[in-house]
N, C-alpha and C. Protein backbone atom coordinates (compact mmCIF):
# COMPACT_ATOMS: atom_id res chain seq x y z
N MET A 1 11.30 -4.72 -15.77
CA MET A 1 12.34 -5.59 -16.23
C MET A 1 12.47 -5.37 -17.74
N ARG A 2 13.71 -5.30 -18.21
CA ARG A 2 13.92 -5.11 -19.65
C ARG A 2 14.92 -6.12 -20.18
N ARG A 3 14.58 -6.71 -21.31
CA ARG A 3 15.51 -7.57 -22.04
C ARG A 3 15.43 -7.15 -23.49
N ASP A 4 16.53 -6.63 -24.00
CA ASP A 4 16.59 -6.09 -25.36
C ASP A 4 15.50 -5.03 -25.53
N SER A 5 14.55 -5.24 -26.44
CA SER A 5 13.49 -4.25 -26.64
C SER A 5 12.17 -4.67 -26.00
N ASP A 6 12.20 -5.69 -25.14
CA ASP A 6 11.01 -6.12 -24.40
C ASP A 6 11.07 -5.54 -22.99
N VAL A 7 9.99 -4.88 -22.59
CA VAL A 7 9.90 -4.32 -21.24
C VAL A 7 8.70 -4.96 -20.56
N ALA A 8 8.93 -5.55 -19.39
CA ALA A 8 7.85 -6.18 -18.62
C ALA A 8 7.66 -5.43 -17.32
N PHE A 9 6.43 -5.05 -17.05
CA PHE A 9 6.06 -4.52 -15.75
C PHE A 9 5.61 -5.74 -14.95
N VAL A 10 6.29 -6.01 -13.85
CA VAL A 10 6.09 -7.27 -13.14
C VAL A 10 5.47 -7.01 -11.77
N GLU A 11 4.35 -7.65 -11.51
CA GLU A 11 3.70 -7.61 -10.20
C GLU A 11 4.04 -8.91 -9.49
N VAL A 12 4.48 -8.80 -8.24
CA VAL A 12 4.80 -9.99 -7.44
C VAL A 12 3.81 -10.06 -6.29
N LYS A 13 3.11 -11.19 -6.18
CA LYS A 13 2.15 -11.42 -5.11
C LYS A 13 2.62 -12.59 -4.28
N THR A 14 2.65 -12.40 -2.98
CA THR A 14 3.09 -13.45 -2.06
C THR A 14 1.95 -13.82 -1.12
N ARG A 15 1.80 -15.09 -0.88
CA ARG A 15 0.79 -15.60 0.06
C ARG A 15 1.42 -16.72 0.88
N THR A 16 0.88 -16.92 2.07
CA THR A 16 1.34 -18.03 2.91
C THR A 16 0.38 -19.19 2.87
N ARG A 17 -0.77 -18.99 2.23
CA ARG A 17 -1.76 -20.07 2.09
C ARG A 17 -2.42 -19.96 0.73
N THR A 18 -2.95 -21.07 0.27
CA THR A 18 -3.67 -21.06 -1.01
C THR A 18 -5.12 -21.51 -0.83
N ASP A 19 -5.62 -21.44 0.40
CA ASP A 19 -7.00 -21.86 0.68
C ASP A 19 -8.02 -21.12 -0.19
N PHE A 20 -7.73 -19.86 -0.50
CA PHE A 20 -8.68 -19.04 -1.25
C PHE A 20 -8.19 -18.76 -2.66
N GLY A 21 -7.16 -19.44 -3.11
CA GLY A 21 -6.65 -19.27 -4.46
C GLY A 21 -5.15 -19.05 -4.50
N GLU A 22 -4.62 -19.15 -5.68
CA GLU A 22 -3.19 -18.93 -5.91
C GLU A 22 -2.88 -17.44 -5.85
N PRO A 23 -1.66 -17.07 -5.49
CA PRO A 23 -1.32 -15.65 -5.41
C PRO A 23 -1.61 -14.87 -6.70
N ILE A 24 -1.38 -15.48 -7.85
CA ILE A 24 -1.60 -14.75 -9.11
C ILE A 24 -3.07 -14.39 -9.32
N GLU A 25 -3.97 -15.12 -8.68
CA GLU A 25 -5.41 -14.83 -8.82
C GLU A 25 -5.80 -13.54 -8.10
N PHE A 26 -4.93 -13.02 -7.26
CA PHE A 26 -5.24 -11.82 -6.49
C PHE A 26 -4.83 -10.54 -7.22
N VAL A 27 -4.34 -10.66 -8.44
CA VAL A 27 -4.07 -9.48 -9.26
C VAL A 27 -5.31 -9.28 -10.13
N GLN A 28 -6.31 -8.67 -9.52
CA GLN A 28 -7.60 -8.52 -10.17
C GLN A 28 -7.69 -7.22 -10.94
N ALA A 29 -8.84 -6.96 -11.55
CA ALA A 29 -9.02 -5.83 -12.48
C ALA A 29 -8.61 -4.48 -11.89
N THR A 30 -8.97 -4.22 -10.64
CA THR A 30 -8.62 -2.93 -10.04
C THR A 30 -7.11 -2.77 -9.97
N LYS A 31 -6.42 -3.81 -9.51
CA LYS A 31 -4.96 -3.77 -9.42
C LYS A 31 -4.34 -3.66 -10.81
N GLN A 32 -4.89 -4.39 -11.77
CA GLN A 32 -4.39 -4.32 -13.14
C GLN A 32 -4.52 -2.91 -13.70
N GLY A 33 -5.61 -2.24 -13.34
CA GLY A 33 -5.80 -0.86 -13.78
C GLY A 33 -4.75 0.07 -13.19
N ARG A 34 -4.45 -0.10 -11.90
CA ARG A 34 -3.42 0.73 -11.27
C ARG A 34 -2.05 0.48 -11.90
N ILE A 35 -1.75 -0.77 -12.15
CA ILE A 35 -0.46 -1.11 -12.77
C ILE A 35 -0.39 -0.51 -14.17
N SER A 36 -1.48 -0.60 -14.94
CA SER A 36 -1.52 -0.05 -16.30
C SER A 36 -1.30 1.45 -16.28
N ARG A 37 -1.99 2.16 -15.38
CA ARG A 37 -1.83 3.62 -15.31
C ARG A 37 -0.40 4.00 -14.94
N THR A 38 0.18 3.27 -13.99
CA THR A 38 1.56 3.54 -13.59
C THR A 38 2.50 3.28 -14.76
N ALA A 39 2.26 2.20 -15.50
CA ALA A 39 3.09 1.88 -16.67
C ALA A 39 3.01 2.99 -17.71
N LEU A 40 1.81 3.51 -17.95
CA LEU A 40 1.65 4.59 -18.93
C LEU A 40 2.43 5.83 -18.51
N MET A 41 2.43 6.14 -17.22
CA MET A 41 3.22 7.29 -16.75
C MET A 41 4.71 7.04 -16.98
N TRP A 42 5.15 5.83 -16.65
CA TRP A 42 6.57 5.50 -16.83
C TRP A 42 6.95 5.58 -18.31
N ILE A 43 6.10 5.02 -19.16
CA ILE A 43 6.38 5.02 -20.60
C ILE A 43 6.44 6.46 -21.13
N SER A 44 5.54 7.33 -20.64
CA SER A 44 5.55 8.72 -21.12
C SER A 44 6.84 9.44 -20.74
N MET A 45 7.48 9.02 -19.65
CA MET A 45 8.71 9.67 -19.21
C MET A 45 9.97 9.00 -19.75
N PHE A 46 9.97 7.66 -19.81
CA PHE A 46 11.20 6.93 -20.14
C PHE A 46 11.06 5.97 -21.31
N GLY A 47 9.85 5.83 -21.84
CA GLY A 47 9.60 4.80 -22.85
C GLY A 47 10.24 5.07 -24.19
N ASP A 48 10.27 4.03 -24.97
CA ASP A 48 10.81 4.08 -26.33
C ASP A 48 9.76 3.46 -27.23
N PRO A 49 9.32 4.17 -28.28
CA PRO A 49 8.26 3.63 -29.14
C PRO A 49 8.63 2.33 -29.84
N SER A 50 9.91 2.00 -29.90
CA SER A 50 10.30 0.76 -30.55
C SER A 50 10.24 -0.44 -29.60
N TYR A 51 10.00 -0.19 -28.33
CA TYR A 51 9.93 -1.28 -27.35
C TYR A 51 8.56 -1.94 -27.35
N VAL A 52 8.54 -3.18 -26.90
CA VAL A 52 7.29 -3.93 -26.72
C VAL A 52 7.07 -4.02 -25.21
N TYR A 53 5.86 -3.64 -24.77
CA TYR A 53 5.54 -3.61 -23.33
C TYR A 53 4.53 -4.70 -23.00
N ARG A 54 4.69 -5.28 -21.81
CA ARG A 54 3.76 -6.32 -21.37
C ARG A 54 3.69 -6.31 -19.84
N PHE A 55 2.71 -7.07 -19.33
CA PHE A 55 2.52 -7.19 -17.89
C PHE A 55 2.68 -8.65 -17.49
N ASP A 56 3.61 -8.90 -16.59
CA ASP A 56 3.85 -10.25 -16.07
C ASP A 56 3.46 -10.29 -14.59
N VAL A 57 3.15 -11.47 -14.11
CA VAL A 57 2.83 -11.65 -12.70
C VAL A 57 3.63 -12.84 -12.17
N ILE A 58 4.22 -12.64 -10.99
CA ILE A 58 4.91 -13.73 -10.29
C ILE A 58 4.14 -14.00 -9.02
N GLY A 59 3.75 -15.24 -8.83
CA GLY A 59 3.08 -15.67 -7.61
C GLY A 59 4.06 -16.44 -6.74
N VAL A 60 4.15 -16.05 -5.48
CA VAL A 60 5.05 -16.71 -4.54
C VAL A 60 4.20 -17.26 -3.40
N THR A 61 4.30 -18.56 -3.16
CA THR A 61 3.62 -19.18 -2.03
C THR A 61 4.68 -19.68 -1.07
N VAL A 62 4.59 -19.20 0.18
CA VAL A 62 5.55 -19.59 1.22
C VAL A 62 4.78 -20.35 2.29
N CYS A 63 5.04 -21.63 2.40
CA CYS A 63 4.43 -22.48 3.42
C CYS A 63 5.56 -23.11 4.22
N GLY A 64 5.87 -22.52 5.37
CA GLY A 64 7.00 -23.00 6.16
C GLY A 64 8.29 -22.78 5.39
N LYS A 65 9.02 -23.88 5.17
CA LYS A 65 10.28 -23.79 4.42
C LYS A 65 10.09 -24.02 2.92
N ASN A 66 8.87 -24.35 2.52
CA ASN A 66 8.58 -24.60 1.11
C ASN A 66 8.17 -23.30 0.41
N VAL A 67 8.84 -23.00 -0.67
CA VAL A 67 8.53 -21.82 -1.47
C VAL A 67 8.23 -22.27 -2.90
N THR A 68 7.09 -21.84 -3.41
CA THR A 68 6.68 -22.18 -4.77
C THR A 68 6.55 -20.89 -5.56
N LEU A 69 7.10 -20.88 -6.77
CA LEU A 69 7.01 -19.73 -7.65
C LEU A 69 6.18 -20.09 -8.88
N GLN A 70 5.35 -19.15 -9.30
CA GLN A 70 4.57 -19.32 -10.53
C GLN A 70 4.76 -18.03 -11.33
N TYR A 71 5.26 -18.15 -12.56
CA TYR A 71 5.53 -16.98 -13.40
C TYR A 71 4.60 -17.00 -14.59
N VAL A 72 3.87 -15.90 -14.78
CA VAL A 72 2.95 -15.81 -15.91
C VAL A 72 3.37 -14.61 -16.76
N GLU A 73 3.87 -14.91 -17.94
CA GLU A 73 4.25 -13.86 -18.88
C GLU A 73 3.01 -13.40 -19.62
N ASN A 74 2.91 -12.09 -19.87
CA ASN A 74 1.73 -11.54 -20.55
C ASN A 74 0.46 -11.90 -19.81
N ALA A 75 0.47 -11.70 -18.50
CA ALA A 75 -0.63 -12.13 -17.64
C ALA A 75 -1.94 -11.38 -17.92
N PHE A 76 -1.84 -10.13 -18.33
CA PHE A 76 -3.04 -9.36 -18.65
C PHE A 76 -2.68 -8.26 -19.65
N MET A 77 -3.74 -7.71 -20.26
CA MET A 77 -3.57 -6.63 -21.23
C MET A 77 -3.82 -5.30 -20.52
N TRP A 78 -3.59 -4.20 -21.21
CA TRP A 78 -3.81 -2.87 -20.64
C TRP A 78 -5.22 -2.78 -20.11
N LYS A 79 -5.36 -2.24 -18.91
CA LYS A 79 -6.68 -2.12 -18.27
C LYS A 79 -6.88 -0.68 -17.82
N SER A 80 -8.12 -0.30 -17.78
CA SER A 80 -8.47 0.93 -17.07
C SER A 80 -9.56 0.54 -16.08
N SER A 81 -9.26 0.71 -14.82
CA SER A 81 -10.24 0.31 -13.81
C SER A 81 -11.25 1.42 -13.60
N PRO A 82 -12.46 1.04 -13.23
CA PRO A 82 -13.48 2.06 -12.98
C PRO A 82 -13.07 2.91 -11.78
N ARG A 83 -13.33 4.19 -11.87
CA ARG A 83 -13.00 5.07 -10.75
C ARG A 83 -14.05 4.94 -9.67
N ARG A 84 -13.57 4.88 -8.44
CA ARG A 84 -14.49 4.85 -7.31
C ARG A 84 -14.91 6.28 -6.97
N PRO A 85 -16.15 6.47 -6.56
CA PRO A 85 -16.57 7.82 -6.18
C PRO A 85 -15.80 8.31 -4.95
N ARG A 86 -15.44 9.57 -4.96
CA ARG A 86 -14.74 10.15 -3.81
C ARG A 86 -15.74 10.45 -2.72
N ARG A 87 -15.28 10.33 -1.50
CA ARG A 87 -16.16 10.62 -0.35
C ARG A 87 -15.84 11.96 0.22
């Protein structure tokens, strides 16, 4: 998403229950690392050094006909997740 010179990479997480936490809590370090690496690739191809980049998360909870949205701007900083050993 871009507005003027602000570019947000937005992760959307949807859940039908919150028994184990809110949807935004499921964007953990490993996922943040994948999003960061993807953002770096995008920036290297299409980015502009004058732009400001950030990571936002939208949590969507759907319980029957009730839908709740939670928007977190600047939800996390650039991450590099540890690499898992290949099998």
